[in-house]
Amino acid sequence: MTDDAERAAEYEALERSSAITQSTRSMRKRSLVSLTHCLECGEKIPEKRRQAEPGCELCVKCKSWEEKGGSFWP
């Protein structure tokens, strides 16, 4: 039977691992370069979007379409 100290240690290890994973993702995302023009429609991606969403490849309209399940390719 697991005692409280062991459960607490397991929980702490899981929380630490989760925090490290999130931090790594955040650092990786900040280092990405956004495109200047949308891959789908070719419209210019506004600078504010490029800064807010590092690594973006789609304009807001096309990204919204994609997230709603729209398909760009037949």
PDB file of N, CA and C in Angstrom:
ATOM      1  N   MET A   1       0.834  -1.179   0.000  1.00  0.00           N
ATOM      2  CA  MET A   1       0.000   0.000   0.000  1.00  0.00           C
ATOM      3  C   MET A   1       0.885   1.252   0.000  1.00  0.00           C
ATOM      4  N   THR A   2       0.526   2.211  -0.849  1.00  0.00           N
ATOM      5  CA  THR A   2       1.306   3.433  -0.990  1.00  0.00           C
ATOM      6  C   THR A   2       0.917   4.429   0.101  1.00  0.00           C
ATOM      7  N   ASP A   3       1.915   4.996   0.745  1.00  0.00           N
ATOM      8  CA  ASP A   3       1.590   5.966   1.786  1.00  0.00           C
ATOM      9  C   ASP A   3       1.533   7.382   1.192  1.00  0.00           C
ATOM     10  N   ASP A   4       1.115   8.333   2.025  1.00  0.00           N
ATOM     11  CA  ASP A   4       0.931   9.711   1.568  1.00  0.00           C
ATOM     12  C   ASP A   4       2.214  10.332   1.025  1.00  0.00           C
ATOM     13  N   ALA A   5       3.334  10.051   1.641  1.00  0.00           N
ATOM     14  CA  ALA A   5       4.604  10.626   1.209  1.00  0.00           C
ATOM     15  C   ALA A   5       4.974  10.154  -0.198  1.00  0.00           C
ATOM     16  N   GLU A   6       4.753   8.872  -0.464  1.00  0.00           N
ATOM     17  CA  GLU A   6       5.050   8.337  -1.795  1.00  0.00           C
ATOM     18  C   GLU A   6       4.126   8.936  -2.850  1.00  0.00           C
ATOM     19  N   ARG A   7       2.844   9.067  -2.519  1.00  0.00           N
ATOM     20  CA  ARG A   7       1.894   9.677  -3.463  1.00  0.00           C
ATOM     21  C   ARG A   7       2.263  11.136  -3.718  1.00  0.00           C
ATOM     22  N   ALA A   8       2.662  11.842  -2.679  1.00  0.00           N
ATOM     23  CA  ALA A   8       3.061  13.239  -2.832  1.00  0.00           C
ATOM     24  C   ALA A   8       4.303  13.358  -3.721  1.00  0.00           C
ATOM     25  N   ALA A   9       5.251  12.460  -3.539  1.00  0.00           N
ATOM     26  CA  ALA A   9       6.465  12.468  -4.351  1.00  0.00           C
ATOM     27  C   ALA A   9       6.134  12.177  -5.813  1.00  0.00           C
ATOM     28  N   GLU A  10       5.240  11.230  -6.067  1.00  0.00           N
ATOM     29  CA  GLU A  10       4.830  10.913  -7.432  1.00  0.00           C
ATOM     30  C   GLU A  10       4.132  12.101  -8.071  1.00  0.00           C
ATOM     31  N   TYR A  11       3.245  12.742  -7.312  1.00  0.00           N
ATOM     32  CA  TYR A  11       2.525  13.911  -7.811  1.00  0.00           C
ATOM     33  C   TYR A  11       3.498  15.046  -8.140  1.00  0.00           C
ATOM     34  N   GLU A  12       4.452  15.280  -7.260  1.00  0.00           N
ATOM     35  CA  GLU A  12       5.452  16.325  -7.483  1.00  0.00           C
ATOM     36  C   GLU A  12       6.262  16.040  -8.748  1.00  0.00           C
ATOM     37  N   ALA A  13       6.636  14.802  -8.960  1.00  0.00           N
ATOM     38  CA  ALA A  13       7.402  14.430 -10.153  1.00  0.00           C
ATOM     39  C   ALA A  13       6.582  14.668 -11.427  1.00  0.00           C
ATOM     40  N   LEU A  14       5.301  14.316 -11.380  1.00  0.00           N
ATOM     41  CA  LEU A  14       4.435  14.548 -12.535  1.00  0.00           C
ATOM     42  C   LEU A  14       4.274  16.039 -12.815  1.00  0.00           C
ATOM     43  N   GLU A  15       4.065  16.835 -11.773  1.00  0.00           N
ATOM     44  CA  GLU A  15       3.927  18.285 -11.936  1.00  0.00           C
ATOM     45  C   GLU A  15       5.206  18.907 -12.500  1.00  0.00           C
ATOM     46  N   ARG A  16       6.348  18.474 -12.015  1.00  0.00           N
ATOM     47  CA  ARG A  16       7.632  18.982 -12.487  1.00  0.00           C
ATOM     48  C   ARG A  16       7.822  18.639 -13.964  1.00  0.00           C
ATOM     49  N   SER A  17       7.522  17.411 -14.320  1.00  0.00           N
ATOM     50  CA  SER A  17       7.653  16.965 -15.709  1.00  0.00           C
ATOM     51  C   SER A  17       6.740  17.772 -16.627  1.00  0.00           C
ATOM     52  N   SER A  18       5.523  18.010 -16.186  1.00  0.00           N
ATOM     53  CA  SER A  18       4.568  18.794 -16.968  1.00  0.00           C
ATOM     54  C   SER A  18       5.061  20.225 -17.157  1.00  0.00           C
ATOM     55  N   ALA A  19       5.582  20.832 -16.102  1.00  0.00           N
ATOM     56  CA  ALA A  19       6.092  22.196 -16.179  1.00  0.00           C
ATOM     57  C   ALA A  19       7.275  22.290 -17.139  1.00  0.00           C
ATOM     58  N   ILE A  20       8.152  21.308 -17.097  1.00  0.00           N
ATOM     59  CA  ILE A  20       9.313  21.298 -17.997  1.00  0.00           C
ATOM     60  C   ILE A  20       8.852  21.174 -19.444  1.00  0.00           C
ATOM     61  N   THR A  21       7.890  20.299 -19.692  1.00  0.00           N
ATOM     62  CA  THR A  21       7.363  20.110 -21.046  1.00  0.00           C
ATOM     63  C   THR A  21       6.744  21.396 -21.565  1.00  0.00           C
ATOM     64  N   GLN A  22       5.935  22.056 -20.759  1.00  0.00           N
ATOM     65  CA  GLN A  22       5.296  23.302 -21.167  1.00  0.00           C
ATOM     66  C   GLN A  22       6.335  24.384 -21.437  1.00  0.00           C
ATOM     67  N   SER A  23       7.343  24.476 -20.597  1.00  0.00           N
ATOM     68  CA  SER A  23       8.395  25.468 -20.775  1.00  0.00           C
ATOM     69  C   SER A  23       9.164  25.217 -22.067  1.00  0.00           C
ATOM     70  N   THR A  24       9.457  23.962 -22.350  1.00  0.00           N
ATOM     71  CA  THR A  24      10.178  23.609 -23.571  1.00  0.00           C
ATOM     72  C   THR A  24       9.362  23.968 -24.797  1.00  0.00           C
ATOM     73  N   ARG A  25       8.073  23.660 -24.778  1.00  0.00           N
ATOM     74  CA  ARG A  25       7.197  24.015 -25.907  1.00  0.00           C
ATOM     75  C   ARG A  25       7.166  25.521 -26.114  1.00  0.00           C
ATOM     76  N   SER A  26       7.061  26.260 -25.034  1.00  0.00           N
ATOM     77  CA  SER A  26       7.005  27.710 -25.113  1.00  0.00           C
ATOM     78  C   SER A  26       8.293  28.281 -25.705  1.00  0.00           C
ATOM     79  N   MET A  27       9.426  27.759 -25.272  1.00  0.00           N
ATOM     80  CA  MET A  27      10.712  28.234 -25.792  1.00  0.00           C
ATOM     81  C   MET A  27      10.841  27.900 -27.274  1.00  0.00           C
ATOM     82  N   ARG A  28      10.425  26.709 -27.661  1.00  0.00           N
ATOM     83  CA  ARG A  28      10.495  26.292 -29.059  1.00  0.00           C
ATOM     84  C   ARG A  28       9.610  27.178 -29.922  1.00  0.00           C
ATOM     85  N   LYS A  29       8.421  27.482 -29.423  1.00  0.00           N
ATOM     86  CA  LYS A  29       7.476  28.290 -30.183  1.00  0.00           C
ATOM     87  C   LYS A  29       8.002  29.712 -30.385  1.00  0.00           C
ATOM     88  N   ARG A  30       8.629  30.279 -29.371  1.00  0.00           N
ATOM     89  CA  ARG A  30       9.162  31.641 -29.494  1.00  0.00           C
ATOM     90  C   ARG A  30      10.276  31.726 -30.523  1.00  0.00           C
ATOM     91  N   SER A  31      10.978  30.637 -30.763  1.00  0.00           N
ATOM     92  CA  SER A  31      12.088  30.658 -31.694  1.00  0.00           C
ATOM     93  C   SER A  31      11.641  30.449 -33.142  1.00  0.00           C
ATOM     94  N   LEU A  32      10.352  30.139 -33.356  1.00  0.00           N
ATOM     95  CA  LEU A  32       9.849  29.922 -34.700  1.00  0.00           C
ATOM     96  C   LEU A  32       9.674  31.242 -35.438  1.00  0.00           C
ATOM     97  N   VAL A  33       9.824  31.194 -36.742  1.00  0.00           N
ATOM     98  CA  VAL A  33       9.656  32.381 -37.578  1.00  0.00           C
ATOM     99  C   VAL A  33       8.325  32.269 -38.305  1.00  0.00           C
ATOM    100  N   SER A  34       7.530  33.320 -38.216  1.00  0.00           N
ATOM    101  CA  SER A  34       6.243  33.342 -38.904  1.00  0.00           C
ATOM    102  C   SER A  34       6.439  33.722 -40.367  1.00  0.00           C
ATOM    103  N   LEU A  35       5.540  33.235 -41.199  1.00  0.00           N
ATOM    104  CA  LEU A  35       5.563  33.623 -42.603  1.00  0.00           C
ATOM    105  C   LEU A  35       4.992  35.027 -42.761  1.00  0.00           C
ATOM    106  N   THR A  36       5.359  35.697 -43.829  1.00  0.00           N
ATOM    107  CA  THR A  36       4.831  37.038 -44.085  1.00  0.00           C
ATOM    108  C   THR A  36       3.527  36.976 -44.857  1.00  0.00           C
ATOM    109  N   HIS A  37       3.308  35.861 -45.583  1.00  0.00           N
ATOM    110  CA  HIS A  37       2.087  35.696 -46.377  1.00  0.00           C
ATOM    111  C   HIS A  37       1.482  34.318 -46.124  1.00  0.00           C
ATOM    112  N   CYS A  38       0.170  34.264 -46.121  1.00  0.00           N
ATOM    113  CA  CYS A  38      -0.589  33.043 -45.857  1.00  0.00           C
ATOM    114  C   CYS A  38      -0.286  31.971 -46.913  1.00  0.00           C
ATOM    115  N   LEU A  39      -0.073  30.754 -46.454  1.00  0.00           N
ATOM    116  CA  LEU A  39       0.191  29.644 -47.372  1.00  0.00           C
ATOM    117  C   LEU A  39      -1.015  29.303 -48.246  1.00  0.00           C
ATOM    118  N   GLU A  40      -2.214  29.588 -47.764  1.00  0.00           N
ATOM    119  CA  GLU A  40      -3.421  29.211 -48.507  1.00  0.00           C
ATOM    120  C   GLU A  40      -3.921  30.294 -49.444  1.00  0.00           C
ATOM    121  N   CYS A  41      -4.152  31.489 -48.935  1.00  0.00           N
ATOM    122  CA  CYS A  41      -4.753  32.532 -49.772  1.00  0.00           C
ATOM    123  C   CYS A  41      -3.736  33.530 -50.317  1.00  0.00           C
ATOM    124  N   GLY A  42      -2.535  33.535 -49.753  1.00  0.00           N
ATOM    125  CA  GLY A  42      -1.495  34.439 -50.230  1.00  0.00           C
ATOM    126  C   GLY A  42      -1.564  35.850 -49.667  1.00  0.00           C
ATOM    127  N   GLU A  43      -2.572  36.114 -48.844  1.00  0.00           N
ATOM    128  CA  GLU A  43      -2.693  37.443 -48.239  1.00  0.00           C
ATOM    129  C   GLU A  43      -1.574  37.683 -47.237  1.00  0.00           C
ATOM    130  N   LYS A  44      -1.220  38.950 -47.060  1.00  0.00           N
ATOM    131  CA  LYS A  44      -0.180  39.296 -46.102  1.00  0.00           C
ATOM    132  C   LYS A  44      -0.686  39.031 -44.682  1.00  0.00           C
ATOM    133  N   ILE A  45       0.168  38.436 -43.861  1.00  0.00           N
ATOM    134  CA  ILE A  45      -0.162  38.183 -42.458  1.00  0.00           C
ATOM    135  C   ILE A  45       0.277  39.413 -41.667  1.00  0.00           C
ATOM    136  N   PRO A  46      -0.648  40.052 -40.966  1.00  0.00           N
ATOM    137  CA  PRO A  46      -0.305  41.263 -40.210  1.00  0.00           C
ATOM    138  C   PRO A  46       0.808  41.018 -39.179  1.00  0.00           C
ATOM    139  N   GLU A  47       1.637  42.028 -38.993  1.00  0.00           N
ATOM    140  CA  GLU A  47       2.772  41.926 -38.070  1.00  0.00           C
ATOM    141  C   GLU A  47       2.327  41.562 -36.657  1.00  0.00           C
ATOM    142  N   LYS A  48       1.212  42.124 -36.205  1.00  0.00           N
ATOM    143  CA  LYS A  48       0.727  41.817 -34.847  1.00  0.00           C
ATOM    144  C   LYS A  48       0.432  40.328 -34.705  1.00  0.00           C
ATOM    145  N   ARG A  49      -0.147  39.716 -35.738  1.00  0.00           N
ATOM    146  CA  ARG A  49      -0.423  38.271 -35.686  1.00  0.00           C
ATOM    147  C   ARG A  49       0.878  37.498 -35.697  1.00  0.00           C
ATOM    148  N   ARG A  50       1.816  37.919 -36.511  1.00  0.00           N
ATOM    149  CA  ARG A  50       3.099  37.224 -36.608  1.00  0.00           C
ATOM    150  C   ARG A  50       3.832  37.240 -35.272  1.00  0.00           C
ATOM    151  N   GLN A  51       3.718  38.338 -34.539  1.00  0.00           N
ATOM    152  CA  GLN A  51       4.369  38.432 -33.235  1.00  0.00           C
ATOM    153  C   GLN A  51       3.604  37.650 -32.167  1.00  0.00           C
ATOM    154  N   ALA A  52       2.287  37.681 -32.247  1.00  0.00           N
ATOM    155  CA  ALA A  52       1.455  37.001 -31.242  1.00  0.00           C
ATOM    156  C   ALA A  52       1.476  35.490 -31.410  1.00  0.00           C
ATOM    157  N   GLU A  53       1.685  35.022 -32.624  1.00  0.00           N
ATOM    158  CA  GLU A  53       1.646  33.587 -32.916  1.00  0.00           C
ATOM    159  C   GLU A  53       2.901  33.188 -33.689  1.00  0.00           C
ATOM    160  N   PRO A  54       4.046  33.100 -32.986  1.00  0.00           N
ATOM    161  CA  PRO A  54       5.288  32.734 -33.670  1.00  0.00           C
ATOM    162  C   PRO A  54       5.135  31.419 -34.439  1.00  0.00           C
ATOM    163  N   GLY A  55       5.635  31.420 -35.654  1.00  0.00           N
ATOM    164  CA  GLY A  55       5.562  30.225 -36.476  1.00  0.00           C
ATOM    165  C   GLY A  55       4.275  30.099 -37.268  1.00  0.00           C
ATOM    166  N   CYS A  56       3.427  31.144 -37.239  1.00  0.00           N
ATOM    167  CA  CYS A  56       2.159  31.031 -37.966  1.00  0.00           C
ATOM    168  C   CYS A  56       2.416  30.983 -39.474  1.00  0.00           C
ATOM    169  N   GLU A  57       1.568  30.224 -40.146  1.00  0.00           N
ATOM    170  CA  GLU A  57       1.678  30.041 -41.587  1.00  0.00           C
ATOM    171  C   GLU A  57       0.411  30.454 -42.312  1.00  0.00           C
ATOM    172  N   LEU A  58      -0.667  30.696 -41.546  1.00  0.00           N
ATOM    173  CA  LEU A  58      -1.953  31.043 -42.128  1.00  0.00           C
ATOM    174  C   LEU A  58      -2.463  32.363 -41.566  1.00  0.00           C
ATOM    175  N   CYS A  59      -3.225  33.097 -42.382  1.00  0.00           N
ATOM    176  CA  CYS A  59      -3.873  34.318 -41.891  1.00  0.00           C
ATOM    177  C   CYS A  59      -4.996  33.898 -40.941  1.00  0.00           C
ATOM    178  N   VAL A  60      -5.576  34.845 -40.251  1.00  0.00           N
ATOM    179  CA  VAL A  60      -6.625  34.537 -39.277  1.00  0.00           C
ATOM    180  C   VAL A  60      -7.810  33.863 -39.951  1.00  0.00           C
ATOM    181  N   LYS A  61      -8.217  34.352 -41.112  1.00  0.00           N
ATOM    182  CA  LYS A  61      -9.371  33.790 -41.821  1.00  0.00           C
ATOM    183  C   LYS A  61      -9.131  32.320 -42.182  1.00  0.00           C
ATOM    184  N   CYS A  62      -7.982  32.017 -42.756  1.00  0.00           N
ATOM    185  CA  CYS A  62      -7.681  30.640 -43.149  1.00  0.00           C
ATOM    186  C   CYS A  62      -7.472  29.734 -41.934  1.00  0.00           C
ATOM    187  N   LYS A  63      -6.848  30.244 -40.879  1.00  0.00           N
ATOM    188  CA  LYS A  63      -6.644  29.448 -39.667  1.00  0.00           C
ATOM    189  C   LYS A  63      -7.986  29.113 -39.029  1.00  0.00           C
ATOM    190  N   SER A  64      -8.884  30.087 -39.008  1.00  0.00           N
ATOM    191  CA  SER A  64     -10.217  29.868 -38.456  1.00  0.00           C
ATOM    192  C   SER A  64     -10.940  28.795 -39.259  1.00  0.00           C
ATOM    193  N   TRP A  65     -10.853  28.867 -40.571  1.00  0.00           N
ATOM    194  CA  TRP A  65     -11.475  27.874 -41.444  1.00  0.00           C
ATOM    195  C   TRP A  65     -10.914  26.479 -41.144  1.00  0.00           C
ATOM    196  N   GLU A  66      -9.607  26.388 -41.019  1.00  0.00           N
ATOM    197  CA  GLU A  66      -8.949  25.118 -40.736  1.00  0.00           C
ATOM    198  C   GLU A  66      -9.403  24.544 -39.393  1.00  0.00           C
ATOM    199  N   GLU A  67      -9.470  25.390 -38.362  1.00  0.00           N
ATOM    200  CA  GLU A  67      -9.858  24.943 -37.032  1.00  0.00           C
ATOM    201  C   GLU A  67     -11.311  24.475 -36.971  1.00  0.00           C
ATOM    202  N   LYS A  68     -12.135  24.992 -37.874  1.00  0.00           N
ATOM    203  CA  LYS A  68     -13.550  24.584 -37.911  1.00  0.00           C
ATOM    204  C   LYS A  68     -13.737  23.310 -38.730  1.00  0.00           C
ATOM    205  N   GLY A  69     -12.626  22.739 -39.181  1.00  0.00           N
ATOM    206  CA  GLY A  69     -12.710  21.479 -39.906  1.00  0.00           C
ATOM    207  C   GLY A  69     -12.730  21.641 -41.410  1.00  0.00           C
ATOM    208  N   GLY A  70     -12.523  22.863 -41.873  1.00  0.00           N
ATOM    209  CA  GLY A  70     -12.488  23.100 -43.316  1.00  0.00           C
ATOM    210  C   GLY A  70     -11.269  22.452 -43.924  1.00  0.00           C
ATOM    211  N   SER A  71     -11.396  22.045 -45.151  1.00  0.00           N
ATOM    212  CA  SER A  71     -10.292  21.399 -45.829  1.00  0.00           C
ATOM    213  C   SER A  71      -9.854  22.260 -47.011  1.00  0.00           C
ATOM    214  N   PHE A  72      -8.549  22.478 -47.120  1.00  0.00           N
ATOM    215  CA  PHE A  72      -8.021  23.266 -48.216  1.00  0.00           C
ATOM    216  C   PHE A  72      -7.770  22.402 -49.448  1.00  0.00           C
ATOM    217  N   TRP A  73      -7.576  21.122 -49.219  1.00  0.00           N
ATOM    218  CA  TRP A  73      -7.241  20.210 -50.314  1.00  0.00           C
ATOM    219  C   TRP A  73      -8.383  19.225 -50.522  1.00  0.00           C
ATOM    220  N   PRO A  74      -8.745  18.962 -51.769  1.00  0.00           N
ATOM    221  CA  PRO A  74      -9.847  18.024 -52.049  1.00  0.00           C
ATOM    222  C   PRO A  74      -9.547  16.603 -51.626  1.00  0.00           C
TER     223      PRO A  74
END
